[in-house]
Amino acid sequence: MNIVYASKFKKSLKKLPNFLVEKVVEKIILFENNFSHPSLDAHKLHGRLKNQWSFSIDKKHRVLFEFDQDNVILLDVGDYDVYK
């Protein structure tokens, strides 16, 4: 699985505090190695985001992503506002 970083993801990541960026990097590594790890709580979204998925960074922060053939595209990262 190849991970591709969308420009919005990169922008949002730059806005996060350093301690949170470190958590995001750790979770991305975990995601690469084990998509179904329980601490990620990866799940498919519904409604207008039905083609997207999400995994948890912590209780408040999420990464939005989607599958595209052999790639996973990380779309955005942040608090629950990423669902808007």
N, C-alpha and C. Protein backbone atom coordinates (compact mmCIF):
# COMPACT_ATOMS: atom_id res chain seq x y z
N MET A 1 0.84 -1.17 0.00
CA MET A 1 0.00 0.00 0.00
C MET A 1 0.88 1.24 0.00
N ASN A 2 0.66 2.11 -0.95
CA ASN A 2 1.38 3.38 -1.03
C ASN A 2 0.54 4.47 -0.38
N ILE A 3 1.19 5.31 0.41
CA ILE A 3 0.48 6.42 1.03
C ILE A 3 0.81 7.70 0.28
N VAL A 4 -0.25 8.41 -0.10
CA VAL A 4 -0.13 9.68 -0.80
C VAL A 4 -0.72 10.75 0.11
N TYR A 5 -0.02 11.87 0.22
CA TYR A 5 -0.46 12.96 1.09
C TYR A 5 -1.07 14.08 0.25
N ALA A 6 -2.36 14.32 0.44
CA ALA A 6 -3.04 15.41 -0.26
C ALA A 6 -2.51 16.75 0.26
N SER A 7 -2.60 17.77 -0.56
CA SER A 7 -2.10 19.09 -0.15
C SER A 7 -2.85 19.61 1.07
N LYS A 8 -4.14 19.34 1.17
CA LYS A 8 -4.91 19.78 2.34
C LYS A 8 -4.40 19.09 3.60
N PHE A 9 -4.04 17.82 3.51
CA PHE A 9 -3.48 17.09 4.65
C PHE A 9 -2.18 17.76 5.11
N LYS A 10 -1.32 18.07 4.16
CA LYS A 10 -0.04 18.70 4.49
C LYS A 10 -0.24 20.05 5.17
N LYS A 11 -1.18 20.84 4.66
CA LYS A 11 -1.48 22.16 5.25
C LYS A 11 -2.00 22.00 6.68
N SER A 12 -2.94 21.10 6.85
CA SER A 12 -3.53 20.88 8.17
C SER A 12 -2.49 20.37 9.16
N LEU A 13 -1.61 19.50 8.70
CA LEU A 13 -0.57 18.95 9.57
C LEU A 13 0.37 20.05 10.07
N LYS A 14 0.69 21.00 9.21
CA LYS A 14 1.58 22.10 9.59
C LYS A 14 0.97 22.98 10.67
N LYS A 15 -0.36 23.01 10.75
CA LYS A 15 -1.04 23.85 11.74
C LYS A 15 -1.11 23.22 13.12
N LEU A 16 -0.84 21.92 13.20
CA LEU A 16 -0.93 21.21 14.48
C LEU A 16 0.29 21.47 15.34
N PRO A 17 0.12 21.42 16.67
CA PRO A 17 1.28 21.55 17.56
C PRO A 17 2.23 20.36 17.39
N ASN A 18 3.50 20.58 17.69
CA ASN A 18 4.53 19.55 17.47
C ASN A 18 4.22 18.21 18.14
N PHE A 19 3.71 18.26 19.39
CA PHE A 19 3.43 17.00 20.08
C PHE A 19 2.37 16.19 19.34
N LEU A 20 1.43 16.88 18.70
CA LEU A 20 0.38 16.19 17.97
C LEU A 20 0.90 15.67 16.63
N VAL A 21 1.78 16.41 16.00
CA VAL A 21 2.40 15.96 14.75
C VAL A 21 3.14 14.64 14.99
N GLU A 22 3.82 14.54 16.11
CA GLU A 22 4.52 13.29 16.46
C GLU A 22 3.54 12.13 16.59
N LYS A 23 2.40 12.37 17.21
CA LYS A 23 1.37 11.33 17.33
C LYS A 23 0.84 10.93 15.95
N VAL A 24 0.63 11.92 15.09
CA VAL A 24 0.13 11.64 13.74
C VAL A 24 1.11 10.75 13.00
N VAL A 25 2.39 11.07 13.08
CA VAL A 25 3.42 10.27 12.40
C VAL A 25 3.42 8.84 12.94
N GLU A 26 3.33 8.69 14.26
CA GLU A 26 3.29 7.35 14.86
C GLU A 26 2.08 6.56 14.36
N LYS A 27 0.93 7.21 14.29
CA LYS A 27 -0.29 6.52 13.85
C LYS A 27 -0.23 6.17 12.37
N ILE A 28 0.39 7.02 11.57
CA ILE A 28 0.53 6.71 10.14
C ILE A 28 1.41 5.48 9.96
N ILE A 29 2.48 5.40 10.73
CA ILE A 29 3.36 4.22 10.66
C ILE A 29 2.59 2.97 11.08
N LEU A 30 1.81 3.08 12.16
CA LEU A 30 0.99 1.96 12.60
C LEU A 30 -0.02 1.58 11.51
N PHE A 31 -0.64 2.58 10.90
CA PHE A 31 -1.60 2.36 9.82
C PHE A 31 -0.96 1.61 8.66
N GLU A 32 0.25 2.01 8.29
CA GLU A 32 0.97 1.33 7.19
C GLU A 32 1.21 -0.13 7.50
N ASN A 33 1.52 -0.42 8.75
CA ASN A 33 1.87 -1.78 9.15
C ASN A 33 0.67 -2.65 9.49
N ASN A 34 -0.42 -2.03 9.97
CA ASN A 34 -1.57 -2.81 10.41
C ASN A 34 -2.82 -1.94 10.36
N PHE A 35 -3.43 -1.88 9.21
CA PHE A 35 -4.62 -1.05 8.97
C PHE A 35 -5.71 -1.32 10.01
N SER A 36 -5.83 -2.54 10.46
CA SER A 36 -6.93 -2.90 11.36
C SER A 36 -6.55 -2.88 12.84
N HIS A 37 -5.44 -2.24 13.19
CA HIS A 37 -5.04 -2.17 14.60
C HIS A 37 -6.16 -1.48 15.39
N PRO A 38 -6.55 -2.07 16.53
CA PRO A 38 -7.68 -1.52 17.30
C PRO A 38 -7.51 -0.06 17.73
N SER A 39 -6.31 0.38 18.00
CA SER A 39 -6.11 1.75 18.47
C SER A 39 -6.39 2.78 17.36
N LEU A 40 -6.41 2.35 16.10
CA LEU A 40 -6.70 3.26 15.00
C LEU A 40 -8.20 3.50 14.84
N ASP A 41 -8.99 2.52 15.22
CA ASP A 41 -10.44 2.61 15.05
C ASP A 41 -10.79 3.06 13.63
N ALA A 42 -10.13 2.47 12.64
CA ALA A 42 -10.38 2.82 11.24
C ALA A 42 -11.78 2.36 10.84
N HIS A 43 -12.51 3.27 10.21
CA HIS A 43 -13.87 2.92 9.80
C HIS A 43 -14.31 3.76 8.61
N LYS A 44 -15.23 3.18 7.85
CA LYS A 44 -15.80 3.86 6.68
C LYS A 44 -16.83 4.86 7.16
N LEU A 45 -16.86 6.01 6.49
CA LEU A 45 -17.79 7.06 6.86
C LEU A 45 -19.10 6.93 6.08
N HIS A 46 -20.07 7.74 6.45
CA HIS A 46 -21.40 7.66 5.85
C HIS A 46 -21.82 9.03 5.32
N GLY A 47 -22.96 9.06 4.69
CA GLY A 47 -23.51 10.32 4.19
C GLY A 47 -22.67 10.89 3.07
N ARG A 48 -22.45 12.21 3.12
CA ARG A 48 -21.72 12.86 2.03
C ARG A 48 -20.25 12.43 1.99
N LEU A 49 -19.75 11.82 3.06
CA LEU A 49 -18.36 11.34 3.11
C LEU A 49 -18.28 9.83 2.89
N LYS A 50 -19.29 9.25 2.26
CA LYS A 50 -19.39 7.80 2.16
C LYS A 50 -18.24 7.12 1.42
N ASN A 51 -17.47 7.86 0.64
CA ASN A 51 -16.33 7.27 -0.07
C ASN A 51 -15.03 7.40 0.73
N GLN A 52 -15.12 7.97 1.91
CA GLN A 52 -13.94 8.21 2.73
C GLN A 52 -13.94 7.35 3.99
N TRP A 53 -12.77 7.27 4.57
CA TRP A 53 -12.56 6.53 5.81
C TRP A 53 -11.91 7.47 6.82
N SER A 54 -11.83 7.01 8.06
CA SER A 54 -11.21 7.80 9.11
C SER A 54 -10.45 6.87 10.05
N PHE A 55 -9.34 7.37 10.60
CA PHE A 55 -8.72 6.67 11.73
C PHE A 55 -8.34 7.68 12.80
N SER A 56 -8.26 7.19 14.02
CA SER A 56 -8.05 8.04 15.19
C SER A 56 -6.59 8.31 15.48
N ILE A 57 -6.31 9.54 15.87
CA ILE A 57 -5.00 9.91 16.38
C ILE A 57 -5.06 9.86 17.91
N ASP A 58 -6.10 10.47 18.46
CA ASP A 58 -6.40 10.42 19.89
C ASP A 58 -7.91 10.57 20.02
N LYS A 59 -8.39 10.89 21.21
CA LYS A 59 -9.84 10.98 21.40
C LYS A 59 -10.48 12.10 20.58
N LYS A 60 -9.71 13.11 20.23
CA LYS A 60 -10.27 14.29 19.56
C LYS A 60 -9.88 14.42 18.08
N HIS A 61 -8.76 13.85 17.67
CA HIS A 61 -8.21 14.11 16.33
C HIS A 61 -8.29 12.88 15.43
N ARG A 62 -8.55 13.16 14.16
CA ARG A 62 -8.75 12.11 13.16
C ARG A 62 -7.97 12.41 11.88
N VAL A 63 -7.74 11.35 11.12
CA VAL A 63 -7.20 11.46 9.76
C VAL A 63 -8.27 10.95 8.82
N LEU A 64 -8.61 11.74 7.83
CA LEU A 64 -9.53 11.30 6.77
C LEU A 64 -8.70 10.76 5.62
N PHE A 65 -9.16 9.67 5.04
CA PHE A 65 -8.43 9.08 3.91
C PHE A 65 -9.40 8.36 3.00
N GLU A 66 -8.88 8.03 1.81
CA GLU A 66 -9.65 7.22 0.88
C GLU A 66 -8.71 6.28 0.14
N PHE A 67 -9.27 5.23 -0.37
CA PHE A 67 -8.52 4.26 -1.16
C PHE A 67 -8.65 4.61 -2.63
N ASP A 68 -7.54 4.50 -3.35
CA ASP A 68 -7.53 4.75 -4.79
C ASP A 68 -6.60 3.72 -5.42
N GLN A 69 -7.16 2.65 -5.92
CA GLN A 69 -6.41 1.53 -6.50
C GLN A 69 -5.38 1.03 -5.49
N ASP A 70 -4.09 1.20 -5.76
CA ASP A 70 -3.04 0.71 -4.85
C ASP A 70 -2.59 1.76 -3.85
N ASN A 71 -3.26 2.90 -3.84
CA ASN A 71 -2.85 3.99 -2.96
C ASN A 71 -3.88 4.26 -1.88
N VAL A 72 -3.38 4.78 -0.78
CA VAL A 72 -4.23 5.37 0.24
C VAL A 72 -3.90 6.85 0.24
N ILE A 73 -4.92 7.68 0.06
CA ILE A 73 -4.70 9.12 0.01
C ILE A 73 -5.15 9.71 1.34
N LEU A 74 -4.20 10.28 2.08
CA LEU A 74 -4.53 10.96 3.32
C LEU A 74 -5.04 12.34 2.94
N LEU A 75 -6.30 12.61 3.24
CA LEU A 75 -6.99 13.80 2.77
C LEU A 75 -6.88 14.98 3.72
N ASP A 76 -7.03 14.71 5.02
CA ASP A 76 -7.04 15.79 6.00
C ASP A 76 -6.75 15.23 7.38
N VAL A 77 -6.34 16.10 8.28
CA VAL A 77 -6.09 15.71 9.67
C VAL A 77 -6.52 16.86 10.56
N GLY A 78 -7.09 16.52 11.70
CA GLY A 78 -7.51 17.55 12.63
C GLY A 78 -8.56 17.03 13.59
N ASP A 79 -9.23 17.97 14.28
CA ASP A 79 -10.29 17.58 15.20
C ASP A 79 -11.55 17.24 14.40
N TYR A 80 -12.66 17.17 15.06
CA TYR A 80 -13.89 16.74 14.38
C TYR A 80 -14.33 17.64 13.25
N ASP A 81 -13.73 18.82 13.13
CA ASP A 81 -14.04 19.72 12.01
C ASP A 81 -13.64 19.13 10.67
N VAL A 82 -12.79 18.11 10.65
CA VAL A 82 -12.38 17.51 9.37
C VAL A 82 -13.57 16.84 8.70
N TYR A 83 -14.62 16.57 9.46
CA TYR A 83 -15.82 15.94 8.89
C TYR A 83 -16.72 16.95 8.20
N LYS A 84 -16.44 18.23 8.34
CA LYS A 84 -17.29 19.26 7.74
C LYS A 84 -16.92 19.52 6.29
